[in-house]
Amino acid sequence: MTLAIPTRGNKVDDHFGHCEYYTLASISAEKELVGTEVLESPIGCGCKSDIATTLKDKNVTLMLAGNIGQGAIAKLSAAGIQVIRGCSGFVEKLINDYLNGKIKDNGQTCAQHEHGHECSHN
């Protein structure tokens, strides 16, 4: 399986649609990290871009995101990509936490592009 993480620097970007790039992580059937690659983010808002199709073409089936709107979730879902919201922190730690079953969806969805809520994982 391949999962995608909206990234800025080496951390999860706070907002899916404005990330610097996506970290794509290949996970083996044994739930081990096989490798990572960087996918440049398209210009513009994630819900208006074609990123869902691009991620699908890269065999992504799961997005570990920070803040994300319902429009983006709908596009990703239509492409067969599940979304876990409320992720934060360093990408490497997030991947390890996911592999160890520590990541849960927080159920929060951004209603607009300027948001004030906090999202986290534990």
PDB file of N, CA and C in Angstrom:
ATOM      1  N   MET A   1       0.841  -1.178   0.000  1.00  0.00           N
ATOM      2  CA  MET A   1       0.000   0.000   0.000  1.00  0.00           C
ATOM      3  C   MET A   1       0.881   1.234   0.000  1.00  0.00           C
ATOM      4  N   THR A   2       0.317   2.328  -0.487  1.00  0.00           N
ATOM      5  CA  THR A   2       1.026   3.606  -0.457  1.00  0.00           C
ATOM      6  C   THR A   2       0.151   4.617   0.258  1.00  0.00           C
ATOM      7  N   LEU A   3       0.748   5.345   1.194  1.00  0.00           N
ATOM      8  CA  LEU A   3       0.022   6.410   1.868  1.00  0.00           C
ATOM      9  C   LEU A   3       0.668   7.744   1.541  1.00  0.00           C
ATOM     10  N   ALA A   4      -0.123   8.807   1.622  1.00  0.00           N
ATOM     11  CA  ALA A   4       0.352  10.152   1.319  1.00  0.00           C
ATOM     12  C   ALA A   4       0.178  11.044   2.538  1.00  0.00           C
ATOM     13  N   ILE A   5       1.151  11.949   2.725  1.00  0.00           N
ATOM     14  CA  ILE A   5       1.106  12.891   3.836  1.00  0.00           C
ATOM     15  C   ILE A   5       1.398  14.287   3.296  1.00  0.00           C
ATOM     16  N   PRO A   6       0.450  15.238   3.424  1.00  0.00           N
ATOM     17  CA  PRO A   6       0.739  16.618   3.043  1.00  0.00           C
ATOM     18  C   PRO A   6       1.869  17.137   3.934  1.00  0.00           C
ATOM     19  N   THR A   7       2.935  17.648   3.325  1.00  0.00           N
ATOM     20  CA  THR A   7       4.158  17.946   4.070  1.00  0.00           C
ATOM     21  C   THR A   7       4.669  19.350   3.796  1.00  0.00           C
ATOM     22  N   ARG A   8       5.230  19.961   4.836  1.00  0.00           N
ATOM     23  CA  ARG A   8       5.971  21.222   4.734  1.00  0.00           C
ATOM     24  C   ARG A   8       7.222  21.026   5.580  1.00  0.00           C
ATOM     25  N   GLY A   9       8.387  21.127   4.936  1.00  0.00           N
ATOM     26  CA  GLY A   9       9.621  20.795   5.644  1.00  0.00           C
ATOM     27  C   GLY A   9       9.616  19.302   5.909  1.00  0.00           C
ATOM     28  N   ASN A  10       9.764  18.921   7.163  1.00  0.00           N
ATOM     29  CA  ASN A  10       9.695  17.493   7.506  1.00  0.00           C
ATOM     30  C   ASN A  10       8.522  17.202   8.443  1.00  0.00           C
ATOM     31  N   LYS A  11       7.526  18.117   8.419  1.00  0.00           N
ATOM     32  CA  LYS A  11       6.345  17.969   9.271  1.00  0.00           C
ATOM     33  C   LYS A  11       5.071  17.904   8.438  1.00  0.00           C
ATOM     34  N   VAL A  12       4.029  17.339   9.054  1.00  0.00           N
ATOM     35  CA  VAL A  12       2.710  17.328   8.430  1.00  0.00           C
ATOM     36  C   VAL A  12       2.264  18.776   8.271  1.00  0.00           C
ATOM     37  N   ASP A  13       1.842  19.146   7.058  1.00  0.00           N
ATOM     38  CA  ASP A  13       1.345  20.503   6.842  1.00  0.00           C
ATOM     39  C   ASP A  13      -0.005  20.642   7.526  1.00  0.00           C
ATOM     40  N   ASP A  14      -0.239  21.795   8.141  1.00  0.00           N
ATOM     41  CA  ASP A  14      -1.496  22.033   8.849  1.00  0.00           C
ATOM     42  C   ASP A  14      -2.710  22.025   7.931  1.00  0.00           C
ATOM     43  N   HIS A  15      -2.518  22.291   6.645  1.00  0.00           N
ATOM     44  CA  HIS A  15      -3.665  22.324   5.739  1.00  0.00           C
ATOM     45  C   HIS A  15      -3.335  21.597   4.449  1.00  0.00           C
ATOM     46  N   PHE A  16      -4.063  20.543   4.180  1.00  0.00           N
ATOM     47  CA  PHE A  16      -3.869  19.683   3.018  1.00  0.00           C
ATOM     48  C   PHE A  16      -3.685  20.468   1.726  1.00  0.00           C
ATOM     49  N   GLY A  17      -4.554  21.417   1.457  1.00  0.00           N
ATOM     50  CA  GLY A  17      -4.583  22.103   0.172  1.00  0.00           C
ATOM     51  C   GLY A  17      -3.469  23.086  -0.071  1.00  0.00           C
ATOM     52  N   HIS A  18      -2.661  23.359   0.924  1.00  0.00           N
ATOM     53  CA  HIS A  18      -1.601  24.351   0.769  1.00  0.00           C
ATOM     54  C   HIS A  18      -0.229  23.787   1.116  1.00  0.00           C
ATOM     55  N   CYS A  19      -0.082  22.478   1.063  1.00  0.00           N
ATOM     56  CA  CYS A  19       1.189  21.864   1.447  1.00  0.00           C
ATOM     57  C   CYS A  19       2.279  22.155   0.414  1.00  0.00           C
ATOM     58  N   GLU A  20       3.514  22.059   0.877  1.00  0.00           N
ATOM     59  CA  GLU A  20       4.681  22.256   0.011  1.00  0.00           C
ATOM     60  C   GLU A  20       4.826  21.075  -0.955  1.00  0.00           C
ATOM     61  N   TYR A  21       4.630  19.871  -0.429  1.00  0.00           N
ATOM     62  CA  TYR A  21       4.710  18.645  -1.220  1.00  0.00           C
ATOM     63  C   TYR A  21       4.023  17.526  -0.453  1.00  0.00           C
ATOM     64  N   TYR A  22       3.891  16.368  -1.080  1.00  0.00           N
ATOM     65  CA  TYR A  22       3.333  15.180  -0.437  1.00  0.00           C
ATOM     66  C   TYR A  22       4.453  14.171  -0.242  1.00  0.00           C
ATOM     67  N   THR A  23       4.539  13.616   0.956  1.00  0.00           N
ATOM     68  CA  THR A  23       5.428  12.494   1.197  1.00  0.00           C
ATOM     69  C   THR A  23       4.625  11.232   0.913  1.00  0.00           C
ATOM     70  N   LEU A  24       5.113  10.414  -0.006  1.00  0.00           N
ATOM     71  CA  LEU A  24       4.470   9.142  -0.321  1.00  0.00           C
ATOM     72  C   LEU A  24       5.281   8.035   0.338  1.00  0.00           C
ATOM     73  N   ALA A  25       4.628   7.225   1.139  1.00  0.00           N
ATOM     74  CA  ALA A  25       5.303   6.148   1.861  1.00  0.00           C
ATOM     75  C   ALA A  25       4.755   4.805   1.399  1.00  0.00           C
ATOM     76  N   SER A  26       5.645   3.945   0.926  1.00  0.00           N
ATOM     77  CA  SER A  26       5.270   2.589   0.515  1.00  0.00           C
ATOM     78  C   SER A  26       5.358   1.676   1.726  1.00  0.00           C
ATOM     79  N   ILE A  27       4.257   0.966   1.994  1.00  0.00           N
ATOM     80  CA  ILE A  27       4.159   0.089   3.154  1.00  0.00           C
ATOM     81  C   ILE A  27       3.986  -1.347   2.666  1.00  0.00           C
ATOM     82  N   SER A  28       4.773  -2.264   3.218  1.00  0.00           N
ATOM     83  CA  SER A  28       4.691  -3.675   2.817  1.00  0.00           C
ATOM     84  C   SER A  28       3.474  -4.345   3.451  1.00  0.00           C
ATOM     85  N   ALA A  29       3.163  -5.548   2.981  1.00  0.00           N
ATOM     86  CA  ALA A  29       2.065  -6.336   3.551  1.00  0.00           C
ATOM     87  C   ALA A  29       2.329  -6.670   5.017  1.00  0.00           C
ATOM     88  N   GLU A  30       3.600  -6.644   5.409  1.00  0.00           N
ATOM     89  CA  GLU A  30       3.983  -6.915   6.798  1.00  0.00           C
ATOM     90  C   GLU A  30       3.944  -5.652   7.647  1.00  0.00           C
ATOM     91  N   LYS A  31       3.371  -4.566   7.099  1.00  0.00           N
ATOM     92  CA  LYS A  31       3.269  -3.270   7.790  1.00  0.00           C
ATOM     93  C   LYS A  31       4.641  -2.703   8.133  1.00  0.00           C
ATOM     94  N   GLU A  32       5.550  -2.751   7.163  1.00  0.00           N
ATOM     95  CA  GLU A  32       6.873  -2.153   7.320  1.00  0.00           C
ATOM     96  C   GLU A  32       7.068  -1.112   6.237  1.00  0.00           C
ATOM     97  N   LEU A  33       7.768  -0.038   6.577  1.00  0.00           N
ATOM     98  CA  LEU A  33       8.069   1.011   5.614  1.00  0.00           C
ATOM     99  C   LEU A  33       9.091   0.491   4.615  1.00  0.00           C
ATOM    100  N   VAL A  34       8.733   0.531   3.335  1.00  0.00           N
ATOM    101  CA  VAL A  34       9.615   0.069   2.268  1.00  0.00           C
ATOM    102  C   VAL A  34      10.439   1.230   1.720  1.00  0.00           C
ATOM    103  N   GLY A  35       9.828   2.411   1.622  1.00  0.00           N
ATOM    104  CA  GLY A  35      10.525   3.578   1.101  1.00  0.00           C
ATOM    105  C   GLY A  35       9.597   4.772   1.013  1.00  0.00           C
ATOM    106  N   THR A  36      10.193   5.938   0.768  1.00  0.00           N
ATOM    107  CA  THR A  36       9.410   7.161   0.612  1.00  0.00           C
ATOM    108  C   THR A  36       9.857   7.898  -0.638  1.00  0.00           C
ATOM    109  N   GLU A  37       8.957   8.727  -1.146  1.00  0.00           N
ATOM    110  CA  GLU A  37       9.293   9.616  -2.247  1.00  0.00           C
ATOM    111  C   GLU A  37       8.530  10.916  -2.056  1.00  0.00           C
ATOM    112  N   VAL A  38       8.973  11.956  -2.740  1.00  0.00           N
ATOM    113  CA  VAL A  38       8.348  13.269  -2.662  1.00  0.00           C
ATOM    114  C   VAL A  38       7.567  13.518  -3.943  1.00  0.00           C
ATOM    115  N   LEU A  39       6.336  13.989  -3.789  1.00  0.00           N
ATOM    116  CA  LEU A  39       5.497  14.380  -4.916  1.00  0.00           C
ATOM    117  C   LEU A  39       5.186  15.859  -4.749  1.00  0.00           C
ATOM    118  N   GLU A  40       5.618  16.669  -5.701  1.00  0.00           N
ATOM    119  CA  GLU A  40       5.375  18.108  -5.624  1.00  0.00           C
ATOM    120  C   GLU A  40       3.879  18.385  -5.598  1.00  0.00           C
ATOM    121  N   SER A  41       3.487  19.381  -4.823  1.00  0.00           N
ATOM    122  CA  SER A  41       2.091  19.769  -4.720  1.00  0.00           C
ATOM    123  C   SER A  41       1.707  20.671  -5.886  1.00  0.00           C
ATOM    124  N   PRO A  42       0.515  20.469  -6.451  1.00  0.00           N
ATOM    125  CA  PRO A  42       0.072  21.369  -7.522  1.00  0.00           C
ATOM    126  C   PRO A  42      -0.209  22.756  -6.956  1.00  0.00           C
ATOM    127  N   ILE A  43      -0.135  23.754  -7.800  1.00  0.00           N
ATOM    128  CA  ILE A  43      -0.415  25.120  -7.378  1.00  0.00           C
ATOM    129  C   ILE A  43      -1.910  25.260  -7.135  1.00  0.00           C
ATOM    130  N   GLY A  44      -2.259  25.957  -6.062  1.00  0.00           N
ATOM    131  CA  GLY A  44      -3.670  26.217  -5.776  1.00  0.00           C
ATOM    132  C   GLY A  44      -4.222  25.334  -4.683  1.00  0.00           C
ATOM    133  N   CYS A  45      -5.468  25.539  -4.408  1.00  0.00           N
ATOM    134  CA  CYS A  45      -6.173  24.832  -3.348  1.00  0.00           C
ATOM    135  C   CYS A  45      -6.322  23.348  -3.687  1.00  0.00           C
ATOM    136  N   GLY A  46      -6.132  22.494  -2.702  1.00  0.00           N
ATOM    137  CA  GLY A  46      -6.221  21.054  -2.925  1.00  0.00           C
ATOM    138  C   GLY A  46      -7.569  20.573  -3.410  1.00  0.00           C
ATOM    139  N   CYS A  47      -8.653  21.221  -2.959  1.00  0.00           N
ATOM    140  CA  CYS A  47      -9.984  20.764  -3.368  1.00  0.00           C
ATOM    141  C   CYS A  47     -10.299  21.148  -4.809  1.00  0.00           C
ATOM    142  N   LYS A  48      -9.513  22.066  -5.385  1.00  0.00           N
ATOM    143  CA  LYS A  48      -9.754  22.489  -6.768  1.00  0.00           C
ATOM    144  C   LYS A  48      -8.700  21.945  -7.732  1.00  0.00           C
ATOM    145  N   SER A  49      -7.722  21.240  -7.206  1.00  0.00           N
ATOM    146  CA  SER A  49      -6.668  20.677  -8.053  1.00  0.00           C
ATOM    147  C   SER A  49      -7.035  19.253  -8.475  1.00  0.00           C
ATOM    148  N   ASP A  50      -6.168  18.649  -9.258  1.00  0.00           N
ATOM    149  CA  ASP A  50      -6.367  17.266  -9.698  1.00  0.00           C
ATOM    150  C   ASP A  50      -5.482  16.312  -8.896  1.00  0.00           C
ATOM    151  N   ILE A  51      -5.154  16.702  -7.657  1.00  0.00           N
ATOM    152  CA  ILE A  51      -4.232  15.905  -6.849  1.00  0.00           C
ATOM    153  C   ILE A  51      -4.801  14.515  -6.549  1.00  0.00           C
ATOM    154  N   ALA A  52      -6.115  14.380  -6.416  1.00  0.00           N
ATOM    155  CA  ALA A  52      -6.693  13.059  -6.123  1.00  0.00           C
ATOM    156  C   ALA A  52      -6.371  12.065  -7.232  1.00  0.00           C
ATOM    157  N   THR A  53      -6.496  12.496  -8.479  1.00  0.00           N
ATOM    158  CA  THR A  53      -6.178  11.622  -9.615  1.00  0.00           C
ATOM    159  C   THR A  53      -4.693  11.293  -9.642  1.00  0.00           C
ATOM    160  N   THR A  54      -3.862  12.299  -9.385  1.00  0.00           N
ATOM    161  CA  THR A  54      -2.411  12.088  -9.364  1.00  0.00           C
ATOM    162  C   THR A  54      -2.035  11.080  -8.289  1.00  0.00           C
ATOM    163  N   LEU A  55      -2.610  11.229  -7.091  1.00  0.00           N
ATOM    164  CA  LEU A  55      -2.321  10.293  -6.003  1.00  0.00           C
ATOM    165  C   LEU A  55      -2.826   8.890  -6.332  1.00  0.00           C
ATOM    166  N   LYS A  56      -3.998   8.802  -6.931  1.00  0.00           N
ATOM    167  CA  LYS A  56      -4.531   7.495  -7.336  1.00  0.00           C
ATOM    168  C   LYS A  56      -3.588   6.824  -8.333  1.00  0.00           C
ATOM    169  N   ASP A  57      -3.069   7.608  -9.288  1.00  0.00           N
ATOM    170  CA  ASP A  57      -2.126   7.076 -10.277  1.00  0.00           C
ATOM    171  C   ASP A  57      -0.837   6.582  -9.628  1.00  0.00           C
ATOM    172  N   LYS A  58      -0.530   7.104  -8.428  1.00  0.00           N
ATOM    173  CA  LYS A  58       0.656   6.672  -7.670  1.00  0.00           C
ATOM    174  C   LYS A  58       0.305   5.541  -6.700  1.00  0.00           C
ATOM    175  N   ASN A  59      -0.905   4.982  -6.843  1.00  0.00           N
ATOM    176  CA  ASN A  59      -1.383   3.868  -6.013  1.00  0.00           C
ATOM    177  C   ASN A  59      -1.586   4.217  -4.545  1.00  0.00           C
ATOM    178  N   VAL A  60      -1.844   5.486  -4.258  1.00  0.00           N
ATOM    179  CA  VAL A  60      -2.132   5.908  -2.886  1.00  0.00           C
ATOM    180  C   VAL A  60      -3.539   5.447  -2.520  1.00  0.00           C
ATOM    181  N   THR A  61      -3.668   4.836  -1.334  1.00  0.00           N
ATOM    182  CA  THR A  61      -4.974   4.396  -0.847  1.00  0.00           C
ATOM    183  C   THR A  61      -5.336   5.035   0.489  1.00  0.00           C
ATOM    184  N   LEU A  62      -4.388   5.775   1.093  1.00  0.00           N
ATOM    185  CA  LEU A  62      -4.627   6.392   2.397  1.00  0.00           C
ATOM    186  C   LEU A  62      -3.909   7.726   2.478  1.00  0.00           C
ATOM    187  N   MET A  63      -4.616   8.748   2.971  1.00  0.00           N
ATOM    188  CA  MET A  63      -4.041  10.071   3.212  1.00  0.00           C
ATOM    189  C   MET A  63      -4.048  10.312   4.711  1.00  0.00           C
ATOM    190  N   LEU A  64      -2.886  10.621   5.279  1.00  0.00           N
ATOM    191  CA  LEU A  64      -2.782  11.023   6.678  1.00  0.00           C
ATOM    192  C   LEU A  64      -2.645  12.540   6.665  1.00  0.00           C
ATOM    193  N   ALA A  65      -3.724  13.255   6.992  1.00  0.00           N
ATOM    194  CA  ALA A  65      -3.772  14.705   6.825  1.00  0.00           C
ATOM    195  C   ALA A  65      -3.939  15.423   8.157  1.00  0.00           C
ATOM    196  N   GLY A  66      -3.567  16.693   8.155  1.00  0.00           N
ATOM    197  CA  GLY A  66      -3.849  17.573   9.288  1.00  0.00           C
ATOM    198  C   GLY A  66      -5.272  18.068   9.147  1.00  0.00           C
ATOM    199  N   ASN A  67      -5.400  19.313   8.723  1.00  0.00           N
ATOM    200  CA  ASN A  67      -6.713  19.903   8.466  1.00  0.00           C
ATOM    201  C   ASN A  67      -7.066  19.711   7.002  1.00  0.00           C
ATOM    202  N   ILE A  68      -8.316  19.379   6.742  1.00  0.00           N
ATOM    203  CA  ILE A  68      -8.757  19.123   5.372  1.00  0.00           C
ATOM    204  C   ILE A  68     -10.258  19.381   5.287  1.00  0.00           C
ATOM    205  N   GLY A  69     -10.687  19.951   4.181  1.00  0.00           N
ATOM    206  CA  GLY A  69     -12.096  20.268   3.988  1.00  0.00           C
ATOM    207  C   GLY A  69     -12.886  19.108   3.415  1.00  0.00           C
ATOM    208  N   GLN A  70     -14.204  19.225   3.507  1.00  0.00           N
ATOM    209  CA  GLN A  70     -15.086  18.163   3.030  1.00  0.00           C
ATOM    210  C   GLN A  70     -14.991  17.978   1.520  1.00  0.00           C
ATOM    211  N   GLY A  71     -14.787  19.079   0.772  1.00  0.00           N
ATOM    212  CA  GLY A  71     -14.657  18.966  -0.681  1.00  0.00           C
ATOM    213  C   GLY A  71     -13.461  18.123  -1.076  1.00  0.00           C
ATOM    214  N   ALA A  72     -12.339  18.344  -0.399  1.00  0.00           N
ATOM    215  CA  ALA A  72     -11.134  17.561  -0.676  1.00  0.00           C
ATOM    216  C   ALA A  72     -11.330  16.104  -0.268  1.00  0.00           C
ATOM    217  N   ILE A  73     -11.974  15.884   0.872  1.00  0.00           N
ATOM    218  CA  ILE A  73     -12.239  14.511   1.314  1.00  0.00           C
ATOM    219  C   ILE A  73     -13.104  13.784   0.289  1.00  0.00           C
ATOM    220  N   ALA A  74     -14.121  14.466  -0.237  1.00  0.00           N
ATOM    221  CA  ALA A  74     -15.009  13.855  -1.229  1.00  0.00           C
ATOM    222  C   ALA A  74     -14.244  13.480  -2.494  1.00  0.00           C
ATOM    223  N   LYS A  75     -13.347  14.361  -2.959  1.00  0.00           N
ATOM    224  CA  LYS A  75     -12.558  14.060  -4.164  1.00  0.00           C
ATOM    225  C   LYS A  75     -11.618  12.883  -3.923  1.00  0.00           C
ATOM    226  N   LEU A  76     -10.965  12.872  -2.768  1.00  0.00           N
ATOM    227  CA  LEU A  76     -10.061  11.770  -2.452  1.00  0.00           C
ATOM    228  C   LEU A  76     -10.837  10.459  -2.324  1.00  0.00           C
ATOM    229  N   SER A  77     -11.975  10.507  -1.661  1.00  0.00           N
ATOM    230  CA  SER A  77     -12.807   9.313  -1.492  1.00  0.00           C
ATOM    231  C   SER A  77     -13.267   8.767  -2.841  1.00  0.00           C
ATOM    232  N   ALA A  78     -13.653   9.658  -3.742  1.00  0.00           N
ATOM    233  CA  ALA A  78     -14.082   9.235  -5.081  1.00  0.00           C
ATOM    234  C   ALA A  78     -12.947   8.558  -5.841  1.00  0.00           C
ATOM    235  N   ALA A  79     -11.702   8.901  -5.484  1.00  0.00           N
ATOM    236  CA  ALA A  79     -10.531   8.289  -6.113  1.00  0.00           C
ATOM    237  C   ALA A  79     -10.084   7.028  -5.369  1.00  0.00           C
ATOM    238  N   GLY A  80     -10.851   6.625  -4.349  1.00  0.00           N
ATOM    239  CA  GLY A  80     -10.516   5.418  -3.598  1.00  0.00           C
ATOM    240  C   GLY A  80      -9.478   5.633  -2.512  1.00  0.00           C
ATOM    241  N   ILE A  81      -9.326   6.886  -2.067  1.00  0.00           N
ATOM    242  CA  ILE A  81      -8.330   7.220  -1.047  1.00  0.00           C
ATOM    243  C   ILE A  81      -9.040   7.552   0.257  1.00  0.00           C
ATOM    244  N   GLN A  82      -8.777   6.766   1.285  1.00  0.00           N
ATOM    245  CA  GLN A  82      -9.318   7.010   2.624  1.00  0.00           C
ATOM    246  C   GLN A  82      -8.520   8.142   3.264  1.00  0.00           C
ATOM    247  N   VAL A  83      -9.164   8.958   4.104  1.00  0.00           N
ATOM    248  CA  VAL A  83      -8.492  10.072   4.769  1.00  0.00           C
ATOM    249  C   VAL A  83      -8.594   9.909   6.278  1.00  0.00           C
ATOM    250  N   ILE A  84      -7.461  10.029   6.952  1.00  0.00           N
ATOM    251  CA  ILE A  84      -7.425  10.114   8.407  1.00  0.00           C
ATOM    252  C   ILE A  84      -7.027  11.543   8.735  1.00  0.00           C
ATOM    253  N   ARG A  85      -7.927  12.270   9.424  1.00  0.00           N
ATOM    254  CA  ARG A  85      -7.725  13.682   9.742  1.00  0.00           C
ATOM    255  C   ARG A  85      -7.122  13.863  11.127  1.00  0.00           C
ATOM    256  N   GLY A  86      -6.535  15.047  11.336  1.00  0.00           N
ATOM    257  CA  GLY A  86      -6.025  15.410  12.649  1.00  0.00           C
ATOM    258  C   GLY A  86      -4.591  14.995  12.905  1.00  0.00           C
ATOM    259  N   CYS A  87      -3.853  14.668  11.866  1.00  0.00           N
ATOM    260  CA  CYS A  87      -2.454  14.263  12.031  1.00  0.00           C
ATOM    261  C   CYS A  87      -1.564  15.498  12.145  1.00  0.00           C
ATOM    262  N   SER A  88      -0.478  15.373  12.884  1.00  0.00           N
ATOM    263  CA  SER A  88       0.451  16.487  13.056  1.00  0.00           C
ATOM    264  C   SER A  88       1.824  15.947  13.418  1.00  0.00           C
ATOM    265  N   GLY A  89       2.791  16.852  13.446  1.00  0.00           N
ATOM    266  CA  GLY A  89       4.133  16.491  13.880  1.00  0.00           C
ATOM    267  C   GLY A  89       5.045  16.072  12.745  1.00  0.00           C
ATOM    268  N   PHE A  90       6.135  15.426  13.117  1.00  0.00           N
ATOM    269  CA  PHE A  90       7.141  15.001  12.151  1.00  0.00           C
ATOM    270  C   PHE A  90       6.628  13.823  11.323  1.00  0.00           C
ATOM    271  N   VAL A  91       6.870  13.875  10.024  1.00  0.00           N
ATOM    272  CA  VAL A  91       6.383  12.854   9.095  1.00  0.00           C
ATOM    273  C   VAL A  91       6.899  11.467   9.474  1.00  0.00           C
ATOM    274  N   GLU A  92       8.169  11.354   9.777  1.00  0.00           N
ATOM    275  CA  GLU A  92       8.746  10.044  10.118  1.00  0.00           C
ATOM    276  C   GLU A  92       8.051   9.431  11.335  1.00  0.00           C
ATOM    277  N   LYS A  93       7.805  10.244  12.359  1.00  0.00           N
ATOM    278  CA  LYS A  93       7.113   9.751  13.561  1.00  0.00           C
ATOM    279  C   LYS A  93       5.673   9.370  13.235  1.00  0.00           C
ATOM    280  N   LEU A  94       5.004  10.172  12.405  1.00  0.00           N
ATOM    281  CA  LEU A  94       3.629   9.863  12.017  1.00  0.00           C
ATOM    282  C   LEU A  94       3.551   8.510  11.316  1.00  0.00           C
ATOM    283  N   ILE A  95       4.469   8.259  10.404  1.00  0.00           N
ATOM    284  CA  ILE A  95       4.478   6.969   9.702  1.00  0.00           C
ATOM    285  C   ILE A  95       4.660   5.830  10.702  1.00  0.00           C
ATOM    286  N   ASN A  96       5.611   5.985  11.622  1.00  0.00           N
ATOM    287  CA  ASN A  96       5.835   4.951  12.640  1.00  0.00           C
ATOM    288  C   ASN A  96       4.605   4.759  13.522  1.00  0.00           C
ATOM    289  N   ASP A  97       3.967   5.875  13.916  1.00  0.00           N
ATOM    290  CA  ASP A  97       2.757   5.777  14.732  1.00  0.00           C
ATOM    291  C   ASP A  97       1.648   5.057  13.970  1.00  0.00           C
ATOM    292  N   TYR A  98       1.512   5.343  12.677  1.00  0.00           N
ATOM    293  CA  TYR A  98       0.505   4.653  11.863  1.00  0.00           C
ATOM    294  C   TYR A  98       0.799   3.148  11.823  1.00  0.00           C
ATOM    295  N   LEU A  99       2.044   2.794  11.577  1.00  0.00           N
ATOM    296  CA  LEU A  99       2.423   1.382  11.500  1.00  0.00           C
ATOM    297  C   LEU A  99       2.185   0.654  12.819  1.00  0.00           C
ATOM    298  N   ASN A 100       2.235   1.398  13.932  1.00  0.00           N
ATOM    299  CA  ASN A 100       2.017   0.813  15.252  1.00  0.00           C
ATOM    300  C   ASN A 100       0.572   0.955  15.735  1.00  0.00           C
ATOM    301  N   GLY A 101      -0.339   1.356  14.835  1.00  0.00           N
ATOM    302  CA  GLY A 101      -1.757   1.435  15.167  1.00  0.00           C
ATOM    303  C   GLY A 101      -2.154   2.564  16.093  1.00  0.00           C
ATOM    304  N   LYS A 102      -1.356   3.631  16.141  1.00  0.00           N
ATOM    305  CA  LYS A 102      -1.614   4.730  17.075  1.00  0.00           C
ATOM    306  C   LYS A 102      -2.369   5.908  16.462  1.00  0.00           C
ATOM    307  N   ILE A 103      -2.722   5.838  15.198  1.00  0.00           N
ATOM    308  CA  ILE A 103      -3.356   6.973  14.523  1.00  0.00           C
ATOM    309  C   ILE A 103      -4.857   6.738  14.400  1.00  0.00           C
ATOM    310  N   LYS A 104      -5.639   7.723  14.828  1.00  0.00           N
ATOM    311  CA  LYS A 104      -7.104   7.672  14.744  1.00  0.00           C
ATOM    312  C   LYS A 104      -7.600   8.954  14.079  1.00  0.00           C
ATOM    313  N   ASP A 105      -8.670   8.847  13.312  1.00  0.00           N
ATOM    314  CA  ASP A 105      -9.293  10.012  12.692  1.00  0.00           C
ATOM    315  C   ASP A 105      -9.952  10.856  13.786  1.00  0.00           C
ATOM    316  N   ASN A 106      -9.726  12.196  13.748  1.00  0.00           N
ATOM    317  CA  ASN A 106     -10.312  13.047  14.781  1.00  0.00           C
ATOM    318  C   ASN A 106     -11.706  13.544  14.420  1.00  0.00           C
ATOM    319  N   GLY A 107     -12.175  13.274  13.200  1.00  0.00           N
ATOM    320  CA  GLY A 107     -13.526  13.636  12.808  1.00  0.00           C
ATOM    321  C   GLY A 107     -13.744  15.091  12.462  1.00  0.00           C
ATOM    322  N   GLN A 108     -12.707  15.932  12.564  1.00  0.00           N
ATOM    323  CA  GLN A 108     -12.870  17.358  12.270  1.00  0.00           C
ATOM    324  C   GLN A 108     -12.628  17.635  10.798  1.00  0.00           C
ATOM    325  N   THR A 109     -13.489  18.480  10.243  1.00  0.00           N
ATOM    326  CA  THR A 109     -13.357  18.901   8.857  1.00  0.00           C
ATOM    327  C   THR A 109     -13.345  20.413   8.814  1.00  0.00           C
ATOM    328  N   CYS A 110     -12.455  20.983   8.010  1.00  0.00           N
ATOM    329  CA  CYS A 110     -12.417  22.431   7.850  1.00  0.00           C
ATOM    330  C   CYS A 110     -13.634  22.872   7.049  1.00  0.00           C
ATOM    331  N   ALA A 111     -14.286  23.935   7.503  1.00  0.00           N
ATOM    332  CA  ALA A 111     -15.454  24.452   6.800  1.00  0.00           C
ATOM    333  C   ALA A 111     -15.078  25.559   5.831  1.00  0.00           C
ATOM    334  N   GLN A 112     -13.892  26.121   6.006  1.00  0.00           N
ATOM    335  CA  GLN A 112     -13.440  27.203   5.139  1.00  0.00           C
ATOM    336  C   GLN A 112     -11.929  27.198   5.103  1.00  0.00           C
ATOM    337  N   HIS A 113     -11.348  28.044   4.262  1.00  0.00           N
ATOM    338  CA  HIS A 113      -9.902  28.045   4.098  1.00  0.00           C
ATOM    339  C   HIS A 113      -9.162  28.665   5.273  1.00  0.00           C
ATOM    340  N   GLU A 114      -9.757  29.597   5.978  1.00  0.00           N
ATOM    341  CA  GLU A 114      -9.153  30.124   7.193  1.00  0.00           C
ATOM    342  C   GLU A 114      -9.843  29.443   8.361  1.00  0.00           C
ATOM    343  N   HIS A 115      -9.111  28.670   9.110  1.00  0.00           N
ATOM    344  CA  HIS A 115      -9.700  27.904  10.200  1.00  0.00           C
ATOM    345  C   HIS A 115      -8.942  28.190  11.474  1.00  0.00           C
ATOM    346  N   GLY A 116      -9.583  27.948  12.600  1.00  0.00           N
ATOM    347  CA  GLY A 116      -8.951  28.228  13.868  1.00  0.00           C
ATOM    348  C   GLY A 116      -8.894  27.048  14.799  1.00  0.00           C
ATOM    349  N   HIS A 117      -9.355  25.886  14.386  1.00  0.00           N
ATOM    350  CA  HIS A 117      -9.351  24.743  15.291  1.00  0.00           C
ATOM    351  C   HIS A 117      -7.993  24.051  15.301  1.00  0.00           C
ATOM    352  N   GLU A 118      -7.751  23.327  16.339  1.00  0.00           N
ATOM    353  CA  GLU A 118      -6.506  22.579  16.491  1.00  0.00           C
ATOM    354  C   GLU A 118      -6.760  21.111  16.182  1.00  0.00           C
ATOM    355  N   CYS A 119      -5.833  20.472  15.525  1.00  0.00           N
ATOM    356  CA  CYS A 119      -5.927  19.044  15.241  1.00  0.00           C
ATOM    357  C   CYS A 119      -4.642  18.372  15.708  1.00  0.00           C
ATOM    358  N   SER A 120      -4.759  17.187  16.270  1.00  0.00           N
ATOM    359  CA  SER A 120      -3.555  16.474  16.696  1.00  0.00           C
ATOM    360  C   SER A 120      -3.831  14.981  16.718  1.00  0.00           C
ATOM    361  N   HIS A 121      -2.777  14.201  16.929  1.00  0.00           N
ATOM    362  CA  HIS A 121      -2.938  12.753  17.062  1.00  0.00           C
ATOM    363  C   HIS A 121      -2.151  12.269  18.254  1.00  0.00           C
ATOM    364  N   ASN A 122      -2.574  11.177  18.799  1.00  0.00           N
ATOM    365  CA  ASN A 122      -1.875  10.509  19.901  1.00  0.00           C
ATOM    366  C   ASN A 122      -2.187   9.044  19.872  1.00  0.00           C
TER     367      ASN A 122
END
